[in-house]
C-alpha atoms as a PDB file:
ATOM      1  CA  UNK A   1      13.641   2.517  22.532  1.00  0.00           C
ATOM      2  CA  UNK A   2      14.065  -0.181  19.760  1.00  0.00           C
ATOM      3  CA  UNK A   3      12.931  -0.181  16.664  1.00  0.00           C
ATOM      4  CA  UNK A   4      10.946  -3.520  15.760  1.00  0.00           C
ATOM      5  CA  UNK A   5      10.483  -4.523  11.430  1.00  0.00           C
ATOM      6  CA  UNK A   6       7.495  -7.474  10.751  1.00  0.00           C
ATOM      7  CA  UNK A   7       8.412  -9.521   8.191  1.00  0.00           C
ATOM      8  CA  UNK A   8       6.111 -11.519   7.011  1.00  0.00           C
ATOM      9  CA  UNK A   9       5.950 -14.508   4.104  1.00  0.00           C
ATOM     10  CA  UNK A  10       4.348 -16.255   2.795  1.00  0.00           C
ATOM     11  CA  UNK A  11       3.643 -19.033  -0.169  1.00  0.00           C
ATOM     12  CA  UNK A  12       1.689 -17.391  -2.862  1.00  0.00           C
ATOM     13  CA  UNK A  13       0.313 -18.990  -5.842  1.00  0.00           C
ATOM     14  CA  UNK A  14      -1.512 -17.051  -8.737  1.00  0.00           C
ATOM     15  CA  UNK A  15      -1.201 -14.150  -6.734  1.00  0.00           C
ATOM     16  CA  UNK A  16       0.690 -11.365  -5.354  1.00  0.00           C
ATOM     17  CA  UNK A  17       0.890  -7.908  -3.382  1.00  0.00           C
ATOM     18  CA  UNK A  18      -0.527  -9.815   0.146  1.00  0.00           C
ATOM     19  CA  UNK A  19      -0.866  -6.588   1.945  1.00  0.00           C
ATOM     20  CA  UNK A  20      -3.797  -5.232   4.803  1.00  0.00           C
ATOM     21  CA  UNK A  21      -6.807  -4.524   2.643  1.00  0.00           C
ATOM     22  CA  UNK A  22      -6.421  -0.927   3.424  1.00  0.00           C
ATOM     23  CA  UNK A  23      -2.376  -1.075   2.573  1.00  0.00           C
ATOM     24  CA  UNK A  24       0.523  -0.867   4.848  1.00  0.00           C
ATOM     25  CA  UNK A  25       0.264   1.865   6.594  1.00  0.00           C
ATOM     26  CA  UNK A  26      -3.926   1.354   6.567  1.00  0.00           C
ATOM     27  CA  UNK A  27      -4.768   3.105  10.191  1.00  0.00           C
ATOM     28  CA  UNK A  28      -7.019   1.151  10.936  1.00  0.00           C
ATOM     29  CA  UNK A  29      -6.040  -2.333  10.713  1.00  0.00           C
ATOM     30  CA  UNK A  30      -5.556  -4.751  13.811  1.00  0.00           C
ATOM     31  CA  UNK A  31      -1.847  -5.241  14.404  1.00  0.00           C
ATOM     32  CA  UNK A  32      -2.116  -8.701  16.915  1.00  0.00           C
ATOM     33  CA  UNK A  33       1.037 -10.096  18.902  1.00  0.00           C
ATOM     34  CA  UNK A  34       2.631 -11.196  22.163  1.00  0.00           C
ATOM     35  CA  UNK A  35       4.345  -8.941  23.773  1.00  0.00           C
ATOM     36  CA  UNK A  36       7.340  -9.985  26.190  1.00  0.00           C
ATOM     37  CA  UNK A  37       8.432  -7.839  28.924  1.00  0.00           C
ATOM     38  CA  UNK A  38      11.913  -6.519  28.684  1.00  0.00           C
ATOM     39  CA  UNK A  39      12.344  -6.098  32.257  1.00  0.00           C
ATOM     40  CA  UNK A  40      11.395  -9.720  34.362  1.00  0.00           C
ATOM     41  CA  UNK A  41      11.182 -12.144  30.842  1.00  0.00           C
ATOM     42  CA  UNK A  42       7.491 -12.266  31.655  1.00  0.00           C
ATOM     43  CA  UNK A  43       5.727 -12.601  27.830  1.00  0.00           C
ATOM     44  CA  UNK A  44       1.803 -11.605  27.381  1.00  0.00           C
ATOM     45  CA  UNK A  45      -1.202 -14.535  27.724  1.00  0.00           C
ATOM     46  CA  UNK A  46      -2.587 -13.235  25.110  1.00  0.00           C
ATOM     47  CA  UNK A  47      -2.208 -11.126  22.148  1.00  0.00           C
ATOM     48  CA  UNK A  48      -2.448  -7.415  22.290  1.00  0.00           C
ATOM     49  CA  UNK A  49      -3.636  -5.266  19.602  1.00  0.00           C
ATOM     50  CA  UNK A  50      -1.956  -1.866  17.904  1.00  0.00           C
ATOM     51  CA  UNK A  51      -3.131  -0.046  15.321  1.00  0.00           C
ATOM     52  CA  UNK A  52      -2.115   3.119  13.770  1.00  0.00           C
ATOM     53  CA  UNK A  53      -5.409   5.041  14.926  1.00  0.00           C
ATOM     54  CA  UNK A  54      -5.705   4.524  18.291  1.00  0.00           C
ATOM     55  CA  UNK A  55      -3.162   6.901  19.778  1.00  0.00           C
ATOM     56  CA  UNK A  56      -2.850   7.664  24.082  1.00  0.00           C
ATOM     57  CA  UNK A  57      -0.544   9.996  25.616  1.00  0.00           C
ATOM     58  CA  UNK A  58       2.012   8.447  27.496  1.00  0.00           C
ATOM     59  CA  UNK A  59       2.142   8.456  31.431  1.00  0.00           C
ATOM     60  CA  UNK A  60       4.927  11.578  31.200  1.00  0.00           C
ATOM     61  CA  UNK A  61       2.711  14.243  28.699  1.00  0.00           C
ATOM     62  CA  UNK A  62       5.916  14.313  26.413  1.00  0.00           C
ATOM     63  CA  UNK A  63       4.513  12.650  23.508  1.00  0.00           C
ATOM     64  CA  UNK A  64       2.125   9.958  22.682  1.00  0.00           C
ATOM     65  CA  UNK A  65       2.269   5.766  21.548  1.00  0.00           C
ATOM     66  CA  UNK A  66      -0.246   4.032  20.066  1.00  0.00           C
ATOM     67  CA  UNK A  67       0.165   1.457  23.229  1.00  0.00           C
ATOM     68  CA  UNK A  68       1.278   1.722  26.980  1.00  0.00           C
ATOM     69  CA  UNK A  69       0.180  -1.739  28.918  1.00  0.00           C
ATOM     70  CA  UNK A  70       1.349  -2.649  32.503  1.00  0.00           C
ATOM     71  CA  UNK A  71       2.917  -6.167  32.360  1.00  0.00           C
ATOM     72  CA  UNK A  72       0.701  -8.532  35.151  1.00  0.00           C
ATOM     73  CA  UNK A  73       4.268  -9.919  36.361  1.00  0.00           C
ATOM     74  CA  UNK A  74       6.282  -6.719  37.423  1.00  0.00           C
ATOM     75  CA  UNK A  75       4.180  -3.459  36.318  1.00  0.00           C
ATOM     76  CA  UNK A  76       6.410  -2.081  34.676  1.00  0.00           C
ATOM     77  CA  UNK A  77       4.987  -0.496  32.073  1.00  0.00           C
ATOM     78  CA  UNK A  78       5.502  -0.297  28.009  1.00  0.00           C
ATOM     79  CA  UNK A  79       5.056   1.757  25.413  1.00  0.00           C
ATOM     80  CA  UNK A  80       4.212   0.300  21.609  1.00  0.00           C
ATOM     81  CA  UNK A  81       4.511   2.792  18.575  1.00  0.00           C
ATOM     82  CA  UNK A  82       3.260   2.213  14.755  1.00  0.00           C
ATOM     83  CA  UNK A  83       5.759   3.638  12.673  1.00  0.00           C
ATOM     84  CA  UNK A  84       4.505   3.618   8.705  1.00  0.00           C
ATOM     85  CA  UNK A  85       5.801   4.149   5.744  1.00  0.00           C
ATOM     86  CA  UNK A  86       8.313   1.747   6.203  1.00  0.00           C
ATOM     87  CA  UNK A  87       5.915  -1.254   4.439  1.00  0.00           C
ATOM     88  CA  UNK A  88       6.108  -2.789   1.518  1.00  0.00           C
ATOM     89  CA  UNK A  89       3.012  -5.447  -0.017  1.00  0.00           C
ATOM     90  CA  UNK A  90       4.914  -9.224   0.114  1.00  0.00           C
ATOM     91  CA  UNK A  91       5.094 -10.060  -3.855  1.00  0.00           C
ATOM     92  CA  UNK A  92       4.951 -13.431  -5.856  1.00  0.00           C
ATOM     93  CA  UNK A  93       8.902 -12.742  -7.168  1.00  0.00           C
ATOM     94  CA  UNK A  94       9.788 -12.493  -3.299  1.00  0.00           C
ATOM     95  CA  UNK A  95       7.721 -15.340  -2.675  1.00  0.00           C
ATOM     96  CA  UNK A  96       8.818 -18.097  -4.943  1.00  0.00           C
ATOM     97  CA  UNK A  97      12.443 -16.467  -3.530  1.00  0.00           C
ATOM     98  CA  UNK A  98      11.389 -17.004  -0.419  1.00  0.00           C
ATOM     99  CA  UNK A  99      12.304 -14.121   0.365  1.00  0.00           C
ATOM    100  CA  UNK A 100      10.077 -12.103   3.378  1.00  0.00           C
ATOM    101  CA  UNK A 101       8.901  -7.955   3.327  1.00  0.00           C
ATOM    102  CA  UNK A 102       8.440  -5.526   5.364  1.00  0.00           C
ATOM    103  CA  UNK A 103       5.404  -4.906   6.705  1.00  0.00           C
ATOM    104  CA  UNK A 104       5.568  -2.115   9.457  1.00  0.00           C
ATOM    105  CA  UNK A 105       8.120  -1.055  12.100  1.00  0.00           C
ATOM    106  CA  UNK A 106       7.477  -0.565  15.938  1.00  0.00           C
ATOM    107  CA  UNK A 107       8.648   1.629  18.278  1.00  0.00           C
ATOM    108  CA  UNK A 108       9.289  -0.203  21.600  1.00  0.00           C
ATOM    109  CA  UNK A 109       9.739   0.653  25.298  1.00  0.00           C
ATOM    110  CA  UNK A 110       9.937  -1.673  27.892  1.00  0.00           C
ATOM    111  CA  UNK A 111       8.670  -4.706  25.523  1.00  0.00           C
ATOM    112  CA  UNK A 112       9.694  -7.094  22.453  1.00  0.00           C
ATOM    113  CA  UNK A 113       6.929  -8.072  20.414  1.00  0.00           C
ATOM    114  CA  UNK A 114       6.705 -11.793  19.223  1.00  0.00           C
ATOM    115  CA  UNK A 115       3.928 -14.244  17.671  1.00  0.00           C
ATOM    116  CA  UNK A 116       2.505 -12.074  15.177  1.00  0.00           C
ATOM    117  CA  UNK A 117      -0.898 -13.210  14.395  1.00  0.00           C
ATOM    118  CA  UNK A 118      -2.076 -13.381  11.087  1.00  0.00           C
ATOM    119  CA  UNK A 119      -5.685 -12.311  11.010  1.00  0.00           C
ATOM    120  CA  UNK A 120      -8.979 -11.045   8.803  1.00  0.00           C
ATOM    121  CA  UNK A 121      -9.137  -7.739   6.261  1.00  0.00           C
ATOM    122  CA  UNK A 122      -6.080  -8.596   4.142  1.00  0.00           C
ATOM    123  CA  UNK A 123      -5.581  -8.035   0.096  1.00  0.00           C
ATOM    124  CA  UNK A 124      -3.869  -9.424  -2.582  1.00  0.00           C
ATOM    125  CA  UNK A 125      -4.976  -9.678  -6.665  1.00  0.00           C
ATOM    126  CA  UNK A 126      -4.164 -12.346  -9.041  1.00  0.00           C
ATOM    127  CA  UNK A 127      -0.984 -13.007 -10.743  1.00  0.00           C
ATOM    128  CA  UNK A 128      -1.380 -13.475 -14.714  1.00  0.00           C
ATOM    129  CA  UNK A 129      -1.902 -17.117 -14.955  1.00  0.00           C
ATOM    130  CA  UNK A 130      -0.715 -16.694 -18.629  1.00  0.00           C
ATOM    131  CA  UNK A 131       3.215 -18.711 -17.766  1.00  0.00           C
ATOM    132  CA  UNK A 132       5.282 -16.009 -17.558  1.00  0.00           C
ATOM    133  CA  UNK A 133       6.550 -15.228 -21.449  1.00  0.00           C
ATOM    134  CA  UNK A 134       2.517 -14.890 -21.977  1.00  0.00           C
ATOM    135  CA  UNK A 135       2.652 -12.258 -19.014  1.00  0.00           C
ATOM    136  CA  UNK A 136       5.701  -9.995 -20.778  1.00  0.00           C
ATOM    137  CA  UNK A 137       3.839  -9.949 -24.383  1.00  0.00           C
ATOM    138  CA  UNK A 138       0.619  -9.087 -23.021  1.00  0.00           C
ATOM    139  CA  UNK A 139       2.234  -6.716 -20.146  1.00  0.00           C
ATOM    140  CA  UNK A 140       4.706  -4.910 -22.762  1.00  0.00           C
ATOM    141  CA  UNK A 141       1.173  -3.899 -25.079  1.00  0.00           C
ATOM    142  CA  UNK A 142      -1.734  -3.357 -21.679  1.00  0.00           C
ATOM    143  CA  UNK A 143      -1.243  -2.444 -18.362  1.00  0.00           C
ATOM    144  CA  UNK A 144      -2.421  -5.633 -16.788  1.00  0.00           C
ATOM    145  CA  UNK A 145      -4.514  -5.814 -13.512  1.00  0.00           C
ATOM    146  CA  UNK A 146      -4.850  -8.799 -11.455  1.00  0.00           C
ATOM    147  CA  UNK A 147      -8.224  -9.674 -10.027  1.00  0.00           C
ATOM    148  CA  UNK A 148      -8.815  -8.251  -6.418  1.00  0.00           C
ATOM    149  CA  UNK A 149      -9.431 -11.119  -2.959  1.00  0.00           C
ATOM    150  CA  UNK A 150     -10.184  -9.718  -0.011  1.00  0.00           C
ATOM    151  CA  UNK A 151      -9.152 -12.266   2.532  1.00  0.00           C
ATOM    152  CA  UNK A 152      -9.258 -13.895   5.574  1.00  0.00           C
ATOM    153  CA  UNK A 153      -5.169 -15.786   7.154  1.00  0.00           C
ATOM    154  CA  UNK A 154      -7.582 -16.646  10.177  1.00  0.00           C
ATOM    155  CA  UNK A 155      -6.531 -20.246   9.223  1.00  0.00           C
ATOM    156  CA  UNK A 156      -3.454 -19.504   7.969  1.00  0.00           C
ATOM    157  CA  UNK A 157      -4.451 -20.288   4.451  1.00  0.00           C
ATOM    158  CA  UNK A 158      -6.544 -19.081   1.167  1.00  0.00           C
ATOM    159  CA  UNK A 159      -7.845 -20.794  -1.556  1.00  0.00           C
ATOM    160  CA  UNK A 160      -9.737 -19.364  -4.487  1.00  0.00           C
ATOM    161  CA  UNK A 161     -11.075 -19.372  -8.538  1.00  0.00           C
ATOM    162  CA  UNK A 162     -10.339 -16.614 -10.370  1.00  0.00           C
ATOM    163  CA  UNK A 163     -12.619 -16.423 -12.441  1.00  0.00           C
ATOM    164  CA  UNK A 164     -11.626 -13.653 -14.385  1.00  0.00           C
ATOM    165  CA  UNK A 165      -7.933 -15.026 -15.032  1.00  0.00           C
ATOM    166  CA  UNK A 166      -9.302 -18.416 -15.054  1.00  0.00           C
ATOM    167  CA  UNK A 167      -6.997 -19.422 -12.464  1.00  0.00           C
ATOM    168  CA  UNK A 168      -6.905 -20.728  -9.190  1.00  0.00           C
ATOM    169  CA  UNK A 169      -5.310 -18.403  -6.426  1.00  0.00           C
ATOM    170  CA  UNK A 170      -3.559 -19.731  -3.565  1.00  0.00           C
ATOM    171  CA  UNK A 171      -1.451 -18.967  -0.144  1.00  0.00           C
ATOM    172  CA  UNK A 172       0.107 -20.951   2.524  1.00  0.00           C
ATOM    173  CA  UNK A 173       3.010 -21.897   4.183  1.00  0.00           C
ATOM    174  CA  UNK A 174       2.133 -18.029   6.015  1.00  0.00           C
ATOM    175  CA  UNK A 175       5.119 -17.281   8.413  1.00  0.00           C
ATOM    176  CA  UNK A 176       6.243 -14.507  10.333  1.00  0.00           C
ATOM    177  CA  UNK A 177       8.991 -12.867  12.241  1.00  0.00           C
ATOM    178  CA  UNK A 178      10.134  -9.536  14.729  1.00  0.00           C
ATOM    179  CA  UNK A 179      13.937  -7.893  13.708  1.00  0.00           C
ATOM    180  CA  UNK A 180      15.668  -5.861  15.401  1.00  0.00           C
ATOM    181  CA  UNK A 181      16.483  -2.775  12.815  1.00  0.00           C
ATOM    182  CA  UNK A 182      18.316   0.428  13.128  1.00  0.00           C
ATOM    183  CA  UNK A 183      16.676   4.201  12.197  1.00  0.00           C
ATOM    184  CA  UNK A 184      18.684   6.266   9.456  1.00  0.00           C
ATOM    185  CA  UNK A 185      18.771   9.088   7.540  1.00  0.00           C
ATOM    186  CA  UNK A 186      19.003   8.020   3.522  1.00  0.00           C
ATOM    187  CA  UNK A 187      18.869  11.275   0.924  1.00  0.00           C
ATOM    188  CA  UNK A 188      16.577  13.791   3.785  1.00  0.00           C
ATOM    189  CA  UNK A 189      14.349   9.815   4.985  1.00  0.00           C
ATOM    190  CA  UNK A 190      13.852   8.107   7.475  1.00  0.00           C
ATOM    191  CA  UNK A 191      14.805   4.759   6.754  1.00  0.00           C
ATOM    192  CA  UNK A 192      14.981   1.266   8.753  1.00  0.00           C
ATOM    193  CA  UNK A 193      17.217  -1.481   8.184  1.00  0.00           C
END
């Protein structure tokens, strides 16, 4: 078994906290990506959908997975388990630094996830349009909440106007990658680094 972290990044303009609509651990959010068979190297022609709320029994009867699939070329069976509790939203600060955030971790047996496909079902909120000093002053005295936006990333970008904050907001240059991570215990909790 190998653990893969899905890392996502984007250029956020006036937005912060990009994540699936129901949060990083949204049980019904469908993760779409292709799978590469570790046995023969064949890559699936179509994207595969995996979500937390879809659970299947493993053929051995020992445990469950969120996806069980056979390779079309070599017929070897593999599985994917979605591991919640590891993801964080992409913030404006991370975006400005060109950093990516871990959205989800997948335990894969027999497959390697590749080519994540962004789709519908995302959310973000406006990141104050007052400039850094204005945000600092306002946040010292008031609890600031941005305008929430439901976002469809199927086209790879988002462009809207925040009426409340009176400024344009945009998202572009989406990127994603899968990174092999290791399971570690840390202060009584499991982390993947």
